Amino acid sequence: MTRILLIDDEQDILEFLKYNLELEGYQVITGTDGFQALEKVAENPDLIVLDIMMPKLDGFEVIERLRADKRYKDIPVIFLTAKAGEINEIKGLELGASDYLQKPISPKKLIARVKANLKKTDSSAAKQKLPDNLTFGPIEIDRKSFTVLVDGEQIYFPRKEFEILFFLLANPGRVFSREILLKEVWGNDIYVVDRTVDVHVRKIREKLGKYSELIETIKGVGYKVKSVE
């Protein structure tokens, strides 16, 4: 379950946002000041929602300490604050915040930003782990030579199909949305529609033949590769 660390010194806001995040299926850890934020980050949250104006230690000081610690430097942080002004927003982003939202804010908007930042993290983490070659059950792939062997027989995959297949096989069991696959394979600067991913996955399955069911469709979400037993 995805864990969110929510830090705000206003108890009513804390409980309200916690309730709405839990409705979305997140596990929420809470705290009311900067020192509690630094203490509870040890519970390894996937994302932090952090107030700026807090007693004892403000949000700016908290994020500076987090970014200086290699254990927590990559955790996305969303600043949620009543402190207005472009200067404060720029300062927050320069210190390493992933996002900056000003109060009052609707739970729906916060949840949308949480989901967007978690997707970025999932995508970046998966991309960093990609090896040069891999063997997945009957499939062998080499990124340097762009070759795919299925049961020892070489099968040709055009570049985009190859990259989708490699990305999914390198992250077995993880579900990736069409949006993430588009960004990973086509990049952010080229416009293609979600349907493009579906077409490429269909072609990949055709070429995998009896192993086509390795790529599983998660209805309403995207695709994943089943783990080989």
Protein backbone atom coordinates (compact mmCIF):
# COMPACT_ATOMS: atom_id res chain seq x y z
CA MET A 1 0.00 0.00 0.00
CA THR A 2 1.26 3.50 -0.87
CA ARG A 3 2.18 5.49 2.23
CA ILE A 4 1.73 9.25 2.53
CA LEU A 5 3.36 11.31 5.28
CA LEU A 6 1.06 14.27 5.97
CA ILE A 7 2.41 17.08 8.16
CA ASP A 8 0.32 20.11 9.14
CA ASP A 9 0.00 22.01 12.41
CA GLU A 10 -3.73 22.67 11.93
CA GLN A 11 -5.49 19.61 13.33
CA ASP A 12 -8.76 20.12 11.46
CA ILE A 13 -6.96 20.34 8.09
CA LEU A 14 -4.82 17.34 9.00
CA GLU A 15 -7.81 15.14 9.79
CA PHE A 16 -9.80 16.32 6.77
CA LEU A 17 -7.00 15.59 4.30
CA LYS A 18 -6.11 12.32 6.02
CA TYR A 19 -9.70 11.14 5.68
CA ASN A 20 -9.83 11.95 1.96
CA LEU A 21 -6.45 10.39 1.20
CA GLU A 22 -7.51 7.22 3.00
CA LEU A 23 -10.66 7.09 0.91
CA GLU A 24 -8.34 6.83 -2.12
CA GLY A 25 -6.65 3.80 -0.58
CA TYR A 26 -3.50 5.46 0.78
CA GLN A 27 -2.01 4.67 4.17
CA VAL A 28 -1.54 8.03 5.88
CA ILE A 29 1.03 8.83 8.58
CA THR A 30 0.48 12.20 10.27
CA GLY A 31 2.42 14.74 12.29
CA THR A 32 1.94 18.33 13.43
CA ASP A 33 5.41 19.88 13.36
CA GLY A 34 8.76 19.74 11.63
CA PHE A 35 10.45 17.51 14.18
CA GLN A 36 7.66 14.95 13.88
CA ALA A 37 8.16 15.07 10.11
CA LEU A 38 11.84 14.16 10.51
CA GLU A 39 10.98 11.45 13.01
CA LYS A 40 8.19 9.82 11.01
CA VAL A 41 10.00 9.87 7.67
CA ALA A 42 11.80 6.82 9.10
CA GLU A 43 8.56 4.91 8.35
CA ASN A 44 9.55 5.20 4.67
CA PRO A 45 6.64 7.06 3.06
CA ASP A 46 6.31 7.10 -0.73
CA LEU A 47 5.43 10.81 -0.71
CA ILE A 48 5.32 13.68 1.79
CA VAL A 49 2.72 16.46 2.01
CA LEU A 50 4.41 19.15 4.06
CA ASP A 51 3.13 22.40 5.54
CA ILE A 52 5.57 25.32 5.54
CA MET A 53 4.48 27.51 8.46
CA MET A 54 4.86 25.20 11.46
CA PRO A 55 6.12 25.57 15.03
CA LYS A 56 9.58 24.40 16.12
CA LEU A 57 10.84 23.69 12.59
CA ASP A 58 9.29 25.05 9.39
CA GLY A 59 8.82 23.17 6.12
CA PHE A 60 11.79 24.80 4.41
CA GLU A 61 14.13 23.59 7.16
CA VAL A 62 12.58 20.12 7.06
CA ILE A 63 13.10 19.66 3.32
CA GLU A 64 16.68 20.93 3.57
CA ARG A 65 17.43 18.21 6.12
CA LEU A 66 15.63 15.55 4.07
CA ARG A 67 17.51 16.41 0.88
CA ALA A 68 20.82 16.25 2.77
CA ASP A 69 20.09 12.66 3.85
CA LYS A 70 20.72 10.10 1.11
CA ARG A 71 17.99 7.85 2.55
CA TYR A 72 15.26 10.43 1.93
CA LYS A 73 16.62 12.74 -0.76
CA ASP A 74 14.45 11.27 -3.53
CA ILE A 75 11.09 11.17 -1.73
CA PRO A 76 8.71 13.57 -3.52
CA VAL A 77 7.55 16.46 -1.32
CA ILE A 78 4.42 18.53 -1.96
CA PHE A 79 4.31 21.80 -0.06
CA LEU A 80 0.81 22.59 1.19
CA THR A 81 0.75 26.08 2.65
CA ALA A 82 -1.13 29.29 3.31
CA LYS A 83 2.07 31.21 2.62
CA ALA A 84 1.45 33.01 -0.65
CA GLY A 85 3.88 34.58 -3.06
CA GLU A 86 6.05 33.59 -5.98
CA ILE A 87 9.25 33.98 -3.95
CA ASN A 88 8.15 31.32 -1.47
CA GLU A 89 7.09 28.97 -4.25
CA ILE A 90 10.44 29.37 -6.03
CA LYS A 91 12.30 28.84 -2.75
CA GLY A 92 10.36 25.64 -2.10
CA LEU A 93 11.05 24.24 -5.56
CA GLU A 94 14.73 25.21 -5.39
CA LEU A 95 15.06 23.34 -2.09
CA GLY A 96 13.80 20.21 -3.82
CA ALA A 97 10.01 20.21 -3.52
CA SER A 98 8.17 18.34 -6.27
CA ASP A 99 5.07 20.51 -6.11
CA TYR A 100 3.62 23.54 -4.29
CA LEU A 101 -0.06 24.00 -3.44
CA GLN A 102 -1.61 26.99 -1.70
CA LYS A 103 -4.37 26.73 0.88
CA PRO A 104 -7.31 26.56 0.83
CA ILE A 105 -7.25 23.54 -1.46
CA SER A 106 -9.83 20.94 -2.37
CA PRO A 107 -9.05 17.32 -1.51
CA LYS A 108 -9.63 16.38 -5.16
CA LYS A 109 -6.89 18.74 -6.30
CA LEU A 110 -4.46 17.47 -3.68
CA ILE A 111 -5.20 13.84 -4.60
CA ALA A 112 -4.67 14.62 -8.29
CA ARG A 113 -1.25 16.13 -7.51
CA VAL A 114 -0.36 13.20 -5.25
CA LYS A 115 -1.16 10.73 -8.03
CA ALA A 116 0.78 12.75 -10.62
CA ASN A 117 3.89 12.95 -8.42
CA LEU A 118 3.74 9.25 -7.54
CA LYS A 119 3.56 8.40 -11.25
CA LYS A 120 6.69 10.46 -11.90
CA THR A 121 8.49 8.62 -9.12
CA ASP A 122 7.40 5.18 -10.34
CA SER A 123 8.48 6.00 -13.87
CA SER A 124 11.89 7.37 -12.88
CA ALA A 125 12.64 4.49 -10.53
CA ALA A 126 11.72 1.90 -13.12
CA LYS A 127 13.78 3.62 -15.78
CA GLN A 128 16.90 3.80 -13.60
CA LYS A 129 16.82 0.04 -13.04
CA LEU A 130 16.78 -1.01 -16.70
CA PRO A 131 19.72 -3.32 -17.48
CA ASP A 132 21.40 -3.76 -20.88
CA ASN A 133 20.01 -7.25 -21.32
CA LEU A 134 17.70 -9.63 -19.53
CA THR A 135 16.26 -13.12 -19.61
CA PHE A 136 12.63 -13.55 -18.67
CA GLY A 137 11.45 -17.14 -18.88
CA PRO A 138 11.66 -18.12 -22.58
CA ILE A 139 12.50 -14.57 -23.69
CA GLU A 140 16.00 -13.12 -24.01
CA ILE A 141 16.50 -9.44 -24.88
CA ASP A 142 19.65 -7.45 -25.63
CA ARG A 143 19.27 -3.67 -25.71
CA LYS A 144 22.62 -3.05 -27.37
CA SER A 145 21.88 -5.19 -30.42
CA PHE A 146 18.07 -4.77 -30.28
CA THR A 147 17.57 -8.52 -30.53
CA VAL A 148 14.81 -10.64 -29.04
CA LEU A 149 15.03 -14.42 -28.74
CA VAL A 150 11.91 -16.47 -27.90
CA ASP A 151 12.74 -20.11 -27.17
CA GLY A 152 16.08 -19.44 -28.82
CA GLU A 153 14.54 -18.17 -32.06
CA GLN A 154 15.19 -14.54 -33.04
CA ILE A 155 12.06 -12.49 -33.68
CA TYR A 156 12.09 -9.00 -35.11
CA PHE A 157 10.47 -6.21 -33.10
CA PRO A 158 10.39 -2.62 -34.44
CA ARG A 159 11.98 -0.12 -32.06
CA LYS A 160 8.87 1.04 -30.18
CA GLU A 161 7.57 -2.50 -29.71
CA PHE A 162 11.03 -3.55 -28.53
CA GLU A 163 11.20 -0.73 -25.96
CA ILE A 164 7.71 -1.43 -24.58
CA LEU A 165 8.49 -5.15 -24.27
CA PHE A 166 11.84 -4.53 -22.60
CA PHE A 167 10.41 -1.98 -20.16
CA LEU A 168 7.60 -4.29 -19.06
CA LEU A 169 9.82 -7.37 -18.76
CA ALA A 170 12.37 -5.40 -16.73
CA ASN A 171 9.64 -4.59 -14.19
CA PRO A 172 7.62 -7.81 -13.76
CA GLY A 173 4.51 -7.62 -11.63
CA ARG A 174 4.34 -3.82 -11.76
CA VAL A 175 1.38 -2.14 -13.42
CA PHE A 176 2.16 0.76 -15.76
CA SER A 177 -0.45 3.13 -17.12
CA ARG A 178 -0.59 3.95 -20.81
CA GLU A 179 0.54 7.46 -19.89
CA ILE A 180 3.74 6.20 -18.29
CA LEU A 181 4.48 3.85 -21.20
CA LEU A 182 3.99 6.72 -23.64
CA LYS A 183 6.42 8.92 -21.72
CA GLU A 184 9.00 6.16 -21.34
CA VAL A 185 8.96 5.09 -24.99
CA TRP A 186 7.94 8.19 -26.96
CA GLY A 187 9.03 10.93 -24.55
CA ASN A 188 7.23 14.10 -23.47
CA ASP A 189 7.70 16.13 -26.64
CA ILE A 190 5.93 13.87 -29.14
CA TYR A 191 2.14 13.77 -29.30
CA VAL A 192 0.64 10.30 -29.53
CA VAL A 193 -2.64 8.98 -28.12
CA ASP A 194 -3.17 6.24 -25.53
CA ARG A 195 -4.55 3.98 -28.24
CA THR A 196 -1.05 3.85 -29.74
CA VAL A 197 0.14 1.80 -26.76
CA ASP A 198 -2.74 -0.66 -27.18
CA VAL A 199 -1.90 -1.21 -30.84
CA HIS A 200 1.78 -1.84 -30.08
CA VAL A 201 0.96 -4.24 -27.24
CA ARG A 202 -1.37 -6.20 -29.55
CA LYS A 203 1.45 -6.56 -32.10
CA ILE A 204 3.89 -7.63 -29.37
CA ARG A 205 1.47 -10.31 -28.20
CA GLU A 206 1.07 -11.62 -31.73
CA LYS A 207 4.84 -12.06 -32.03
CA LEU A 208 5.14 -13.73 -28.63
CA GLY A 209 2.69 -16.39 -29.81
CA LYS A 210 2.00 -18.97 -27.09
CA TYR A 211 3.60 -16.61 -24.57
CA SER A 212 1.31 -13.69 -25.37
CA GLU A 213 -0.51 -14.01 -22.05
CA LEU A 214 2.65 -12.93 -20.22
CA ILE A 215 1.49 -9.36 -20.89
CA GLU A 216 -1.63 -8.81 -18.86
CA THR A 217 -4.17 -6.03 -19.37
CA ILE A 218 -5.27 -4.34 -16.15
CA LYS A 219 -8.67 -2.96 -17.02
CA GLY A 220 -8.92 0.81 -16.73
CA VAL A 221 -5.26 1.15 -15.76
CA GLY A 222 -2.69 -0.23 -18.19
CA TYR A 223 -0.42 -3.27 -18.53
CA LYS A 224 1.88 -5.49 -16.55
CA VAL A 225 3.98 -8.61 -17.12
CA LYS A 226 3.11 -11.66 -15.06
CA SER A 227 5.93 -13.02 -12.96
CA VAL A 228 7.34 -16.31 -14.24
CA GLU A 229 7.04 -19.12 -11.69
